Amino acid sequence: MVVETTIACVVPCHNEEAAVGKVVRDLRAALPEAVVYVYDNASTDRTVEVAREAGAIVRQETRKGKGNVIRRAFADVDADALLIIDGDDTYDASRARDLVDLLFEGPYDQVVGARRVTADGAYRAGHAVGNKLLTGAVRSLFGNDVTDMLSGYRVFSRRFVKSFPALAREFETETEMTIHALHLRLPTAEVLTDYRVRPAGGESKLRTYRDGWRILRVILDLARRERPSLVHTVLAGVLALVSLILGIPVIAEFVETGTVPRVPTAILAAAIMTIAALVLLVGYILESLMHMRQEQTRLVHLSYPAPVRTPRYAARGAGTGPVPVRKTARDTP
């Protein structure tokens, strides 16, 4: 008995009445075998009606924030390939076939639609700068295998979805996905896709400074949790430097006179150095715990098979020709 390959598309939406219908129709044209889910995130317009009319299955997530939608969708939807795309029609949904085919051909655990701006005003200058800075921070901390960390156009294997904790609440969810793939060294690829201006009537939900700060906080928090030895070594080094600045004059005075006239300063310097040693020790303990948690996550990942397409869907569908590929992680089993 051959089990057919299942493909699902998840479209998070909040007040996307002007665009969601076209996104759903484009997905159904590109992937006729896929089930399209629109997750309505507390919309106050006709998003739900338009999505249903276009042929999508509509589900509700009342807690606002894209991260909340992704967490709910990853828990509810079970498929061999799960595609996510924003409902604002800024991504080229007609390329969905190319991304899904590449996932199976790899096989990869994640294929990212790296954005290629095709029109002025599609990508605000502040967002572009912020994306580069945040992507650079992630590349420095976790590896160089990423070029568009904040893309919301991705396809995942079942084993990625079921091993991904999905803790983010809002737009920082893409950062979480990227770091999850980098830290577990999951096989990942990128495909260049057009990124265009929102249709008339659409409004961006992303706030440059507020959401940029939130994403930066997520990166710092993930660095603390995923690279504890690095973070604690830096903190211990700063504390040790302060201790030396305070303590060296006291030691020099003792060598010269044989007395310690500044006892409080000596006690403070010794206390700070002791704290630095404890911070360093805690970092190495947390590193050991992190490795144990990483091993458990890896085992969950390996409990699911690699994505494989059944013969019925082996032929390419409505793609757009050769797919430009950039491998972005070691192709580990």
Protein backbone atom coordinates (compact mmCIF):
# COMPACT_ATOMS: atom_id res chain seq x y z
CA MET A 1 0.00 0.00 0.00
CA VAL A 2 1.44 3.35 -1.09
CA VAL A 3 0.67 6.30 1.18
CA GLU A 4 0.17 9.45 -0.86
CA THR A 5 2.32 12.48 -0.20
CA THR A 6 0.46 15.20 1.66
CA ILE A 7 1.12 18.92 1.19
CA ALA A 8 -0.40 21.72 3.25
CA CYS A 9 -0.22 25.49 2.91
CA VAL A 10 -0.68 27.74 5.95
CA VAL A 11 -1.54 31.40 5.40
CA PRO A 12 -1.51 33.56 8.58
CA CYS A 13 -3.84 36.54 8.18
CA HIS A 14 -4.88 39.62 10.11
CA ASN A 15 -7.10 42.00 8.14
CA GLU A 16 -5.94 40.83 4.70
CA GLU A 17 -9.28 41.08 2.89
CA ALA A 18 -7.64 42.89 -0.06
CA ALA A 19 -5.07 40.17 -0.80
CA VAL A 20 -5.87 36.82 0.78
CA GLY A 21 -8.19 35.69 -2.02
CA LYS A 22 -5.47 36.04 -4.65
CA VAL A 23 -2.92 34.29 -2.43
CA VAL A 24 -5.23 31.30 -1.94
CA ARG A 25 -6.06 31.09 -5.65
CA ASP A 26 -2.39 31.28 -6.62
CA LEU A 27 -1.51 28.51 -4.15
CA ARG A 28 -4.31 26.27 -5.43
CA ALA A 29 -3.17 26.83 -9.01
CA ALA A 30 0.48 26.09 -8.21
CA LEU A 31 -0.25 23.16 -5.87
CA PRO A 32 -3.65 21.68 -6.76
CA GLU A 33 -2.98 18.63 -4.57
CA ALA A 34 -2.34 20.78 -1.46
CA VAL A 35 -4.78 21.69 1.29
CA VAL A 36 -4.77 25.45 1.91
CA TYR A 37 -5.43 26.65 5.46
CA VAL A 38 -6.01 30.30 6.24
CA TYR A 39 -5.46 31.02 9.93
CA ASP A 40 -7.45 34.12 10.77
CA ASN A 41 -5.75 36.08 13.54
CA ALA A 42 -8.51 38.26 15.04
CA SER A 43 -9.39 40.02 11.78
CA THR A 44 -12.09 42.71 11.82
CA ASP A 45 -12.67 42.85 8.05
CA ARG A 46 -13.91 40.25 5.52
CA THR A 47 -10.73 38.15 5.54
CA VAL A 48 -12.60 34.98 6.59
CA GLU A 49 -15.33 35.31 3.94
CA VAL A 50 -12.87 36.09 1.14
CA ALA A 51 -10.62 33.16 2.10
CA ARG A 52 -13.54 30.71 2.14
CA GLU A 53 -14.81 31.96 -1.21
CA ALA A 54 -11.33 31.35 -2.69
CA GLY A 55 -11.43 27.72 -1.50
CA ALA A 56 -9.38 27.76 1.71
CA ILE A 57 -10.13 26.00 4.98
CA VAL A 58 -10.36 28.75 7.59
CA ARG A 59 -9.26 28.27 11.18
CA GLN A 60 -9.16 30.78 14.02
CA GLU A 61 -6.36 31.83 16.36
CA THR A 62 -7.63 34.52 18.71
CA ARG A 63 -4.28 35.33 20.34
CA LYS A 64 -2.78 38.03 18.15
CA GLY A 65 0.68 37.55 16.69
CA LYS A 66 2.15 35.55 13.84
CA GLY A 67 4.13 33.37 16.24
CA ASN A 68 0.89 32.31 17.93
CA VAL A 69 -0.55 31.35 14.54
CA ILE A 70 2.52 29.32 13.59
CA ARG A 71 2.51 27.48 16.91
CA ARG A 72 -1.17 26.58 16.46
CA ALA A 73 -0.75 25.56 12.81
CA PHE A 74 2.33 23.41 13.48
CA ALA A 75 0.40 21.60 16.20
CA ASP A 76 -2.79 21.13 14.14
CA VAL A 77 -1.59 20.42 10.60
CA ASP A 78 0.17 17.17 9.73
CA ALA A 79 1.72 16.94 6.26
CA ASP A 80 4.83 15.68 4.50
CA ALA A 81 5.50 19.24 3.31
CA LEU A 82 4.10 22.31 5.05
CA LEU A 83 4.37 25.68 3.33
CA ILE A 84 3.85 29.01 5.08
CA ILE A 85 3.29 32.28 3.26
CA ASP A 86 1.96 35.66 4.37
CA GLY A 87 -1.54 36.55 3.25
CA ASP A 88 -0.63 40.04 2.00
CA ASP A 89 0.38 38.94 -1.55
CA THR A 90 3.90 40.37 -1.27
CA TYR A 91 5.45 36.94 -1.93
CA ASP A 92 5.08 35.17 -5.27
CA ALA A 93 2.72 32.30 -4.39
CA SER A 94 3.01 30.92 -7.94
CA ARG A 95 6.55 29.74 -7.01
CA ALA A 96 5.17 27.40 -4.35
CA ARG A 97 5.63 24.39 -6.63
CA ASP A 98 9.33 25.14 -7.02
CA LEU A 99 9.88 25.36 -3.27
CA VAL A 100 7.97 22.15 -2.53
CA ASP A 101 9.65 20.19 -5.34
CA LEU A 102 13.07 21.26 -4.09
CA LEU A 103 12.22 20.13 -0.55
CA PHE A 104 11.55 16.59 -1.82
CA GLU A 105 14.40 16.53 -4.34
CA GLY A 106 17.01 17.43 -1.69
CA PRO A 107 15.65 16.09 0.49
CA TYR A 108 15.77 19.18 2.68
CA ASP A 109 14.11 20.00 5.98
CA GLN A 110 13.59 23.65 5.06
CA VAL A 111 13.46 25.63 1.83
CA VAL A 112 13.41 29.41 2.23
CA GLY A 113 12.06 31.84 -0.34
CA ALA A 114 14.82 34.45 -0.18
CA ARG A 115 13.35 37.80 -1.14
CA ARG A 116 14.31 39.63 -4.33
CA VAL A 117 12.75 43.10 -4.40
CA THR A 118 11.09 43.78 -7.77
CA ALA A 119 9.51 47.20 -7.15
CA ASP A 120 10.37 50.43 -5.35
CA GLY A 121 8.64 50.67 -2.00
CA ALA A 122 8.14 46.92 -1.59
CA TYR A 123 10.75 46.76 1.14
CA ARG A 124 11.09 49.85 3.31
CA ALA A 125 14.64 51.10 3.90
CA GLY A 126 14.36 50.64 7.67
CA HIS A 127 13.24 47.03 7.24
CA ALA A 128 16.06 46.30 4.80
CA VAL A 129 18.72 47.72 7.13
CA GLY A 130 17.21 45.94 10.12
CA ASN A 131 17.12 42.64 8.26
CA LYS A 132 20.79 42.95 7.34
CA LEU A 133 21.84 43.84 10.89
CA LEU A 134 19.82 41.04 12.49
CA THR A 135 20.89 38.51 9.88
CA GLY A 136 24.50 39.55 10.50
CA ALA A 137 24.05 39.01 14.23
CA VAL A 138 22.67 35.51 13.66
CA ARG A 139 25.45 34.68 11.19
CA SER A 140 28.05 35.73 13.77
CA LEU A 141 26.50 33.74 16.60
CA PHE A 142 25.17 30.64 14.88
CA GLY A 143 26.83 30.31 11.46
CA ASN A 144 27.03 31.86 8.01
CA ASP A 145 24.41 29.67 6.33
CA VAL A 146 21.64 32.26 5.98
CA THR A 147 20.99 35.27 3.74
CA ASP A 148 17.35 36.23 4.44
CA MET A 149 16.59 35.34 8.04
CA LEU A 150 13.23 37.14 8.18
CA SER A 151 11.59 35.67 5.08
CA GLY A 152 8.04 34.51 5.76
CA TYR A 153 7.91 32.24 2.69
CA ARG A 154 9.14 28.75 3.63
CA VAL A 155 8.48 25.06 3.19
CA PHE A 156 9.21 22.55 5.96
CA SER A 157 9.43 18.80 6.23
CA ARG A 158 7.29 16.98 8.78
CA ARG A 159 10.34 16.27 10.92
CA PHE A 160 11.25 19.98 11.05
CA VAL A 161 7.72 20.93 12.12
CA LYS A 162 7.44 18.25 14.79
CA SER A 163 10.86 19.02 16.32
CA PHE A 164 10.38 22.81 16.28
CA PRO A 165 9.29 24.21 19.70
CA ALA A 166 7.56 27.35 18.30
CA LEU A 167 7.84 29.57 21.37
CA ALA A 168 7.67 32.99 19.66
CA ARG A 169 4.52 35.11 19.83
CA GLU A 170 4.88 37.61 16.98
CA PHE A 171 7.15 38.37 14.02
CA GLU A 172 10.22 36.93 15.75
CA THR A 173 9.03 33.44 14.75
CA GLU A 174 11.13 33.49 11.54
CA THR A 175 14.24 34.18 13.64
CA GLU A 176 13.38 31.19 15.80
CA MET A 177 12.95 28.96 12.73
CA THR A 178 16.28 30.06 11.27
CA ILE A 179 18.22 29.45 14.48
CA HIS A 180 16.52 26.08 15.00
CA ALA A 181 17.75 24.95 11.56
CA LEU A 182 21.25 26.38 12.07
CA HIS A 183 21.73 24.96 15.54
CA LEU A 184 20.65 21.43 14.58
CA ARG A 185 22.48 21.74 11.23
CA LEU A 186 19.33 20.76 9.33
CA PRO A 187 19.65 20.53 5.53
CA THR A 188 18.32 23.81 4.16
CA ALA A 189 18.18 25.51 0.77
CA GLU A 190 17.16 28.93 -0.52
CA VAL A 191 15.26 29.90 -3.67
CA LEU A 192 15.18 33.48 -4.92
CA THR A 193 11.56 34.69 -5.10
CA ASP A 194 10.09 38.04 -6.06
CA TYR A 195 8.98 40.38 -3.30
CA ARG A 196 6.51 43.04 -4.36
CA VAL A 197 4.39 45.93 -3.13
CA ARG A 198 1.25 45.18 -1.16
CA PRO A 199 -2.00 45.55 -3.10
CA ALA A 200 -4.12 48.65 -2.59
CA GLY A 201 -5.99 48.49 0.70
CA GLY A 202 -3.36 46.36 2.46
CA GLU A 203 -1.47 47.60 5.50
CA SER A 204 1.79 46.26 6.89
CA LYS A 205 1.52 44.83 10.42
CA LEU A 206 5.30 44.99 10.91
CA ARG A 207 6.58 47.94 12.96
CA THR A 208 10.23 48.62 12.16
CA TYR A 209 11.53 49.66 15.58
CA ARG A 210 9.16 47.76 17.87
CA ASP A 211 9.43 44.45 16.04
CA GLY A 212 13.14 44.96 15.28
CA TRP A 213 13.82 45.38 19.00
CA ARG A 214 11.69 42.32 19.76
CA ILE A 215 13.63 40.23 17.23
CA LEU A 216 16.94 41.48 18.64
CA ARG A 217 15.81 40.46 22.12
CA VAL A 218 14.94 37.01 20.79
CA ILE A 219 18.43 36.68 19.24
CA LEU A 220 20.07 37.68 22.54
CA ASP A 221 17.85 35.31 24.49
CA LEU A 222 18.56 32.47 22.06
CA ALA A 223 22.28 33.23 22.29
CA ARG A 224 22.02 32.97 26.08
CA ARG A 225 20.19 29.65 25.82
CA GLU A 226 21.94 28.13 22.80
CA ARG A 227 25.49 29.50 23.32
CA PRO A 228 25.70 29.72 27.14
CA SER A 229 29.45 29.10 27.36
CA LEU A 230 30.13 32.02 24.98
CA VAL A 231 27.77 34.42 26.79
CA HIS A 232 29.00 33.46 30.26
CA THR A 233 32.64 33.64 29.19
CA VAL A 234 32.11 37.21 27.99
CA LEU A 235 30.32 38.17 31.24
CA ALA A 236 32.99 36.47 33.34
CA GLY A 237 35.70 38.27 31.37
CA VAL A 238 34.08 41.67 32.00
CA LEU A 239 33.76 40.92 35.72
CA ALA A 240 37.35 39.69 35.91
CA LEU A 241 38.57 42.88 34.19
CA VAL A 242 36.70 45.04 36.72
CA SER A 243 38.19 42.97 39.55
CA LEU A 244 41.71 43.43 38.17
CA ILE A 245 41.24 47.18 37.75
CA LEU A 246 40.20 47.43 41.39
CA GLY A 247 42.66 44.88 42.76
CA ILE A 248 45.96 45.58 41.02
CA PRO A 249 46.58 48.92 42.81
CA VAL A 250 45.85 47.20 46.15
CA ILE A 251 48.30 44.39 45.35
CA ALA A 252 50.93 46.88 44.18
CA GLU A 253 50.50 48.83 47.41
CA PHE A 254 50.88 45.67 49.47
CA VAL A 255 54.09 44.69 47.63
CA GLU A 256 55.52 48.15 48.18
CA THR A 257 54.50 48.78 51.82
CA GLY A 258 53.53 45.38 53.20
CA THR A 259 50.13 46.73 54.28
CA VAL A 260 46.61 46.78 52.85
CA PRO A 261 45.20 50.21 53.76
CA ARG A 262 42.22 49.87 51.36
CA VAL A 263 40.60 46.76 52.81
CA PRO A 264 37.07 47.42 51.42
CA THR A 265 38.49 47.74 47.88
CA ALA A 266 40.46 44.52 48.33
CA ILE A 267 37.35 42.67 49.55
CA LEU A 268 35.28 44.06 46.66
CA ALA A 269 37.88 43.03 44.07
CA ALA A 270 38.10 39.51 45.53
CA ALA A 271 34.29 39.20 45.61
CA ILE A 272 33.94 40.29 41.98
CA MET A 273 36.62 37.80 40.89
CA THR A 274 34.81 35.04 42.80
CA ILE A 275 31.56 35.97 41.05
CA ALA A 276 33.38 35.90 37.68
CA ALA A 277 34.59 32.35 38.40
CA LEU A 278 31.07 31.28 39.38
CA VAL A 279 29.56 32.84 36.22
CA LEU A 280 32.11 30.95 34.10
CA LEU A 281 31.32 27.69 35.90
CA VAL A 282 27.57 28.17 35.44
CA GLY A 283 28.17 28.76 31.73
CA TYR A 284 29.88 25.39 31.32
CA ILE A 285 27.13 23.65 33.30
CA LEU A 286 24.47 25.25 31.10
CA GLU A 287 26.47 24.23 28.02
CA SER A 288 26.27 20.59 29.13
CA LEU A 289 22.52 20.89 29.73
CA MET A 290 22.09 22.56 26.35
CA HIS A 291 23.85 19.66 24.64
CA MET A 292 21.51 17.22 26.38
CA ARG A 293 18.47 19.21 25.23
CA GLN A 294 19.89 19.45 21.72
CA GLU A 295 20.37 15.69 21.62
CA GLN A 296 16.74 15.16 22.64
CA THR A 297 15.53 17.56 19.94
CA ARG A 298 17.71 15.78 17.40
CA LEU A 299 16.26 12.42 18.40
CA VAL A 300 12.73 13.77 17.94
CA HIS A 301 13.78 15.04 14.51
CA LEU A 302 15.22 11.63 13.57
CA SER A 303 12.08 9.81 14.68
CA TYR A 304 10.39 11.03 11.47
CA PRO A 305 11.51 9.92 7.99
CA ALA A 306 13.07 12.26 5.45
CA PRO A 307 10.57 13.88 3.05
CA VAL A 308 9.87 11.58 0.09
CA ARG A 309 7.37 12.16 -2.70
CA THR A 310 5.26 9.20 -3.83
CA PRO A 311 5.29 8.32 -7.56
CA ARG A 312 1.92 9.96 -8.16
CA TYR A 313 3.43 13.40 -7.55
CA ALA A 314 6.91 12.72 -8.91
CA ALA A 315 6.46 14.88 -12.01
CA ARG A 316 7.01 18.60 -11.75
CA GLY A 317 3.91 20.73 -11.86
CA ALA A 318 3.35 24.38 -12.60
CA GLY A 319 6.86 25.60 -11.85
CA THR A 320 8.75 28.40 -13.52
CA GLY A 321 11.75 26.57 -14.91
CA PRO A 322 15.12 25.88 -13.35
CA VAL A 323 15.26 26.64 -9.65
CA PRO A 324 18.24 28.67 -8.39
CA VAL A 325 19.45 26.87 -5.30
CA ARG A 326 21.79 27.91 -2.54
CA LYS A 327 22.49 25.20 0.02
CA THR A 328 22.66 26.77 3.44
CA ALA A 329 23.41 23.96 5.88
CA ARG A 330 25.44 20.82 5.96
CA ASP A 331 23.40 18.07 4.32
CA THR A 332 23.32 15.78 7.32
CA PRO A 333 21.06 12.74 7.56
